[in-house]
Amino acid sequence: MQIRGRHWLVLWLFAFLAVAAIILSRGTRSYQLARELDNARSDREALEAVAADLQRGINEAAGRAAIGRAAERLGLRPATGAEITFLPLPAPDTARSR
């Protein structure tokens, strides 16, 4: 059976439509991925802002002023000179280091 001219036309039309549909679906998917990537970047920026706020809070809570206020609230006081004991470190053994 020989394919006639109109059959070739229909065959090429279907091939063209199939390729066009594939290109259109790839373009649509790329736009969806770009939108998801933009959303992920926005989420990351928001999370980085929250992390920066939390780190700032940690730094403030660990500061000398905050610790001093907490110590006063607990009734603690700084140690006097007589209450401080320095412990000497043993001299390094030169025989073991060789």
N, C-alpha and C. Protein backbone atom coordinates (compact mmCIF):
# COMPACT_ATOMS: atom_id res chain seq x y z
N MET A 1 0.84 -1.18 0.00
CA MET A 1 0.00 0.00 0.00
C MET A 1 0.89 1.24 0.00
N GLN A 2 0.58 2.13 -0.88
CA GLN A 2 1.37 3.34 -1.02
C GLN A 2 0.64 4.48 -0.32
N ILE A 3 1.46 5.33 0.39
CA ILE A 3 0.87 6.46 1.10
C ILE A 3 0.73 7.61 0.11
N ARG A 4 -0.45 8.18 0.08
CA ARG A 4 -0.73 9.25 -0.87
C ARG A 4 -0.36 10.60 -0.26
N GLY A 5 -0.44 11.61 -1.03
CA GLY A 5 -0.04 12.96 -0.63
C GLY A 5 -0.82 13.49 0.56
N ARG A 6 -2.13 13.28 0.56
CA ARG A 6 -2.93 13.79 1.68
C ARG A 6 -2.61 13.04 2.97
N HIS A 7 -2.25 11.77 2.87
CA HIS A 7 -1.87 11.00 4.06
C HIS A 7 -0.55 11.53 4.63
N TRP A 8 0.38 11.85 3.72
CA TRP A 8 1.64 12.45 4.19
C TRP A 8 1.36 13.78 4.89
N LEU A 9 0.44 14.56 4.36
CA LEU A 9 0.09 15.85 4.96
C LEU A 9 -0.47 15.65 6.37
N VAL A 10 -1.36 14.69 6.51
CA VAL A 10 -1.95 14.40 7.83
C VAL A 10 -0.86 13.89 8.78
N LEU A 11 0.01 13.03 8.28
CA LEU A 11 1.10 12.50 9.11
C LEU A 11 2.03 13.61 9.59
N TRP A 12 2.42 14.49 8.70
CA TRP A 12 3.28 15.62 9.09
C TRP A 12 2.56 16.58 10.02
N LEU A 13 1.27 16.76 9.83
CA LEU A 13 0.49 17.61 10.72
C LEU A 13 0.46 17.03 12.13
N PHE A 14 0.23 15.73 12.25
CA PHE A 14 0.25 15.09 13.57
C PHE A 14 1.64 15.16 14.21
N ALA A 15 2.67 14.98 13.42
CA ALA A 15 4.03 15.08 13.94
C ALA A 15 4.30 16.50 14.45
N PHE A 16 3.88 17.50 13.65
CA PHE A 16 4.07 18.88 14.07
C PHE A 16 3.31 19.17 15.36
N LEU A 17 2.08 18.72 15.45
CA LEU A 17 1.28 18.95 16.65
C LEU A 17 1.87 18.25 17.87
N ALA A 18 2.43 17.06 17.68
CA ALA A 18 3.05 16.34 18.79
C ALA A 18 4.28 17.09 19.29
N VAL A 19 5.11 17.56 18.38
CA VAL A 19 6.30 18.31 18.77
C VAL A 19 5.90 19.61 19.44
N ALA A 20 4.90 20.29 18.91
CA ALA A 20 4.43 21.55 19.51
C ALA A 20 3.89 21.30 20.92
N ALA A 21 3.17 20.20 21.12
CA ALA A 21 2.64 19.88 22.45
C ALA A 21 3.77 19.60 23.44
N ILE A 22 4.80 18.90 22.99
CA ILE A 22 5.95 18.61 23.85
C ILE A 22 6.65 19.91 24.24
N ILE A 23 6.86 20.79 23.27
CA ILE A 23 7.52 22.07 23.56
C ILE A 23 6.68 22.90 24.51
N LEU A 24 5.38 22.92 24.30
CA LEU A 24 4.49 23.69 25.17
C LEU A 24 4.49 23.14 26.59
N SER A 25 4.49 21.82 26.73
CA SER A 25 4.48 21.22 28.07
C SER A 25 5.81 21.49 28.79
N ARG A 26 6.92 21.46 28.05
CA ARG A 26 8.23 21.77 28.67
C ARG A 26 8.28 23.22 29.12
N GLY A 27 7.75 24.13 28.30
CA GLY A 27 7.72 25.54 28.68
C GLY A 27 6.86 25.78 29.91
N THR A 28 5.70 25.13 29.94
CA THR A 28 4.81 25.26 31.10
C THR A 28 5.50 24.73 32.36
N ARG A 29 6.15 23.60 32.25
CA ARG A 29 6.84 23.01 33.41
C ARG A 29 7.99 23.91 33.87
N SER A 30 8.68 24.54 32.92
CA SER A 30 9.78 25.43 33.32
C SER A 30 9.25 26.65 34.07
N TYR A 31 8.12 27.17 33.67
CA TYR A 31 7.52 28.29 34.41
C TYR A 31 7.11 27.86 35.81
N GLN A 32 6.57 26.65 35.94
CA GLN A 32 6.20 26.14 37.26
C GLN A 32 7.42 25.99 38.15
N LEU A 33 8.50 25.45 37.60
CA LEU A 33 9.73 25.28 38.37
C LEU A 33 10.32 26.62 38.78
N ALA A 34 10.25 27.61 37.88
CA ALA A 34 10.75 28.94 38.21
C ALA A 34 9.94 29.55 39.34
N ARG A 35 8.63 29.36 39.34
CA ARG A 35 7.77 29.86 40.41
C ARG A 35 8.10 29.17 41.74
N GLU A 36 8.28 27.85 41.69
CA GLU A 36 8.64 27.11 42.91
C GLU A 36 10.00 27.56 43.45
N LEU A 37 10.95 27.80 42.56
CA LEU A 37 12.26 28.27 42.98
C LEU A 37 12.17 29.65 43.62
N ASP A 38 11.36 30.53 43.05
CA ASP A 38 11.17 31.85 43.63
C ASP A 38 10.53 31.75 45.02
N ASN A 39 9.55 30.85 45.17
CA ASN A 39 8.93 30.65 46.49
C ASN A 39 9.94 30.10 47.49
N ALA A 40 10.77 29.17 47.06
CA ALA A 40 11.78 28.61 47.96
C ALA A 40 12.79 29.67 48.38
N ARG A 41 13.18 30.55 47.45
CA ARG A 41 14.10 31.63 47.81
C ARG A 41 13.45 32.59 48.81
N SER A 42 12.19 32.89 48.62
CA SER A 42 11.48 33.77 49.55
C SER A 42 11.40 33.13 50.94
N ASP A 43 11.10 31.83 50.96
CA ASP A 43 11.04 31.12 52.25
C ASP A 43 12.40 31.12 52.93
N ARG A 44 13.46 30.91 52.15
CA ARG A 44 14.81 30.90 52.73
C ARG A 44 15.16 32.27 53.31
N GLU A 45 14.81 33.33 52.60
CA GLU A 45 15.09 34.67 53.11
C GLU A 45 14.33 34.94 54.40
N ALA A 46 13.08 34.48 54.47
CA ALA A 46 12.29 34.66 55.69
C ALA A 46 12.91 33.87 56.84
N LEU A 47 13.34 32.64 56.57
CA LEU A 47 13.96 31.82 57.61
C LEU A 47 15.30 32.41 58.06
N GLU A 48 16.06 32.99 57.13
CA GLU A 48 17.32 33.63 57.51
C GLU A 48 17.06 34.84 58.40
N ALA A 49 15.97 35.58 58.13
CA ALA A 49 15.62 36.72 58.98
C ALA A 49 15.24 36.26 60.38
N VAL A 50 14.49 35.18 60.46
CA VAL A 50 14.12 34.63 61.78
C VAL A 50 15.37 34.15 62.51
N ALA A 51 16.28 33.49 61.80
CA ALA A 51 17.51 33.01 62.42
C ALA A 51 18.35 34.17 62.92
N ALA A 52 18.40 35.27 62.17
CA ALA A 52 19.16 36.45 62.61
C ALA A 52 18.55 37.05 63.86
N ASP A 53 17.21 37.10 63.92
CA ASP A 53 16.55 37.60 65.13
C ASP A 53 16.84 36.71 66.33
N LEU A 54 16.80 35.40 66.12
CA LEU A 54 17.08 34.49 67.22
C LEU A 54 18.53 34.61 67.69
N GLN A 55 19.45 34.75 66.74
CA GLN A 55 20.86 34.90 67.10
C GLN A 55 21.08 36.19 67.86
N ARG A 56 20.40 37.26 67.45
CA ARG A 56 20.51 38.53 68.16
C ARG A 56 19.99 38.38 69.60
N GLY A 57 18.89 37.66 69.77
CA GLY A 57 18.35 37.40 71.11
C GLY A 57 19.32 36.60 71.96
N ILE A 58 19.96 35.61 71.34
CA ILE A 58 20.95 34.80 72.08
C ILE A 58 22.12 35.67 72.51
N ASN A 59 22.60 36.52 71.60
CA ASN A 59 23.72 37.39 71.93
C ASN A 59 23.36 38.37 73.05
N GLU A 60 22.14 38.89 73.03
CA GLU A 60 21.72 39.80 74.10
C GLU A 60 21.60 39.07 75.43
N ALA A 61 21.05 37.86 75.41
CA ALA A 61 20.86 37.09 76.64
C ALA A 61 22.19 36.62 77.21
N ALA A 62 23.19 36.43 76.36
CA ALA A 62 24.49 35.96 76.83
C ALA A 62 25.43 37.12 77.17
N GLY A 63 24.95 38.34 77.00
CA GLY A 63 25.80 39.50 77.28
C GLY A 63 26.02 39.69 78.78
N ARG A 64 27.05 40.43 79.10
CA ARG A 64 27.42 40.66 80.48
C ARG A 64 26.31 41.37 81.27
N ALA A 65 25.63 42.34 80.65
CA ALA A 65 24.58 43.08 81.34
C ALA A 65 23.41 42.17 81.70
N ALA A 66 22.98 41.33 80.77
CA ALA A 66 21.85 40.44 81.03
C ALA A 66 22.21 39.41 82.09
N ILE A 67 23.42 38.90 82.05
CA ILE A 67 23.83 37.92 83.06
C ILE A 67 23.92 38.59 84.43
N GLY A 68 24.42 39.85 84.46
CA GLY A 68 24.49 40.58 85.74
C GLY A 68 23.11 40.82 86.33
N ARG A 69 22.14 41.18 85.49
CA ARG A 69 20.77 41.38 85.99
C ARG A 69 20.18 40.07 86.50
N ALA A 70 20.42 38.98 85.78
CA ALA A 70 19.90 37.68 86.23
C ALA A 70 20.56 37.27 87.53
N ALA A 71 21.85 37.55 87.69
CA ALA A 71 22.55 37.19 88.93
C ALA A 71 22.00 38.00 90.10
N GLU A 72 21.74 39.28 89.90
CA GLU A 72 21.16 40.10 90.96
C GLU A 72 19.78 39.59 91.34
N ARG A 73 18.99 39.22 90.36
CA ARG A 73 17.65 38.69 90.62
C ARG A 73 17.73 37.42 91.46
N LEU A 74 18.77 36.62 91.25
CA LEU A 74 18.93 35.38 92.01
C LEU A 74 19.63 35.60 93.34
N GLY A 75 20.05 36.82 93.60
CA GLY A 75 20.73 37.11 94.86
C GLY A 75 22.20 36.77 94.84
N LEU A 76 22.80 36.65 93.69
CA LEU A 76 24.22 36.34 93.60
C LEU A 76 25.02 37.64 93.63
N ARG A 77 26.27 37.55 94.01
CA ARG A 77 27.14 38.72 94.05
C ARG A 77 28.50 38.33 93.48
N PRO A 78 29.30 39.31 93.06
CA PRO A 78 30.64 38.98 92.55
C PRO A 78 31.53 38.46 93.68
N ALA A 79 32.44 37.61 93.33
CA ALA A 79 33.36 37.05 94.32
C ALA A 79 34.37 38.12 94.75
N THR A 80 34.73 38.08 96.02
CA THR A 80 35.77 38.99 96.51
C THR A 80 37.13 38.36 96.22
N GLY A 81 38.19 39.16 96.43
CA GLY A 81 39.53 38.66 96.17
C GLY A 81 39.89 37.47 97.03
N ALA A 82 39.40 37.41 98.27
CA ALA A 82 39.72 36.30 99.17
C ALA A 82 39.00 35.02 98.75
N GLU A 83 37.94 35.15 98.00
CA GLU A 83 37.17 33.97 97.60
C GLU A 83 37.67 33.35 96.30
N ILE A 84 38.60 33.99 95.64
CA ILE A 84 39.12 33.48 94.37
C ILE A 84 40.37 32.66 94.64
N THR A 85 40.38 31.46 94.13
CA THR A 85 41.53 30.57 94.29
C THR A 85 42.03 30.17 92.91
N PHE A 86 43.30 30.39 92.68
CA PHE A 86 43.92 29.99 91.43
C PHE A 86 44.59 28.64 91.63
N LEU A 87 44.28 27.73 90.78
CA LEU A 87 44.87 26.39 90.85
C LEU A 87 46.01 26.32 89.85
N PRO A 88 47.19 25.92 90.32
CA PRO A 88 48.32 25.85 89.40
C PRO A 88 48.20 24.62 88.50
N LEU A 89 48.62 24.79 87.28
CA LEU A 89 48.65 23.67 86.35
C LEU A 89 49.96 22.92 86.54
N PRO A 90 49.92 21.61 86.43
CA PRO A 90 51.17 20.87 86.55
C PRO A 90 52.09 21.21 85.37
N ALA A 91 53.39 21.17 85.64
CA ALA A 91 54.37 21.46 84.60
C ALA A 91 54.32 20.35 83.56
N PRO A 92 54.46 20.71 82.31
CA PRO A 92 54.43 19.66 81.28
C PRO A 92 55.64 18.75 81.43
N ASP A 93 55.38 17.48 81.32
CA ASP A 93 56.45 16.47 81.43
C ASP A 93 57.18 16.40 80.10
N THR A 94 58.44 16.77 80.11
CA THR A 94 59.21 16.82 78.85
C THR A 94 59.50 15.41 78.33
N ALA A 95 59.54 14.43 79.21
CA ALA A 95 59.84 13.06 78.78
C ALA A 95 58.68 12.49 77.96
N ARG A 96 57.44 12.85 78.33
CA ARG A 96 56.28 12.31 77.63
C ARG A 96 56.08 12.99 76.28
N SER A 97 56.51 14.24 76.15
CA SER A 97 56.26 14.95 74.91
C SER A 97 57.22 14.52 73.81
N ARG A 98 58.27 13.78 74.13
CA ARG A 98 59.20 13.33 73.09
C ARG A 98 58.81 12.04 72.51
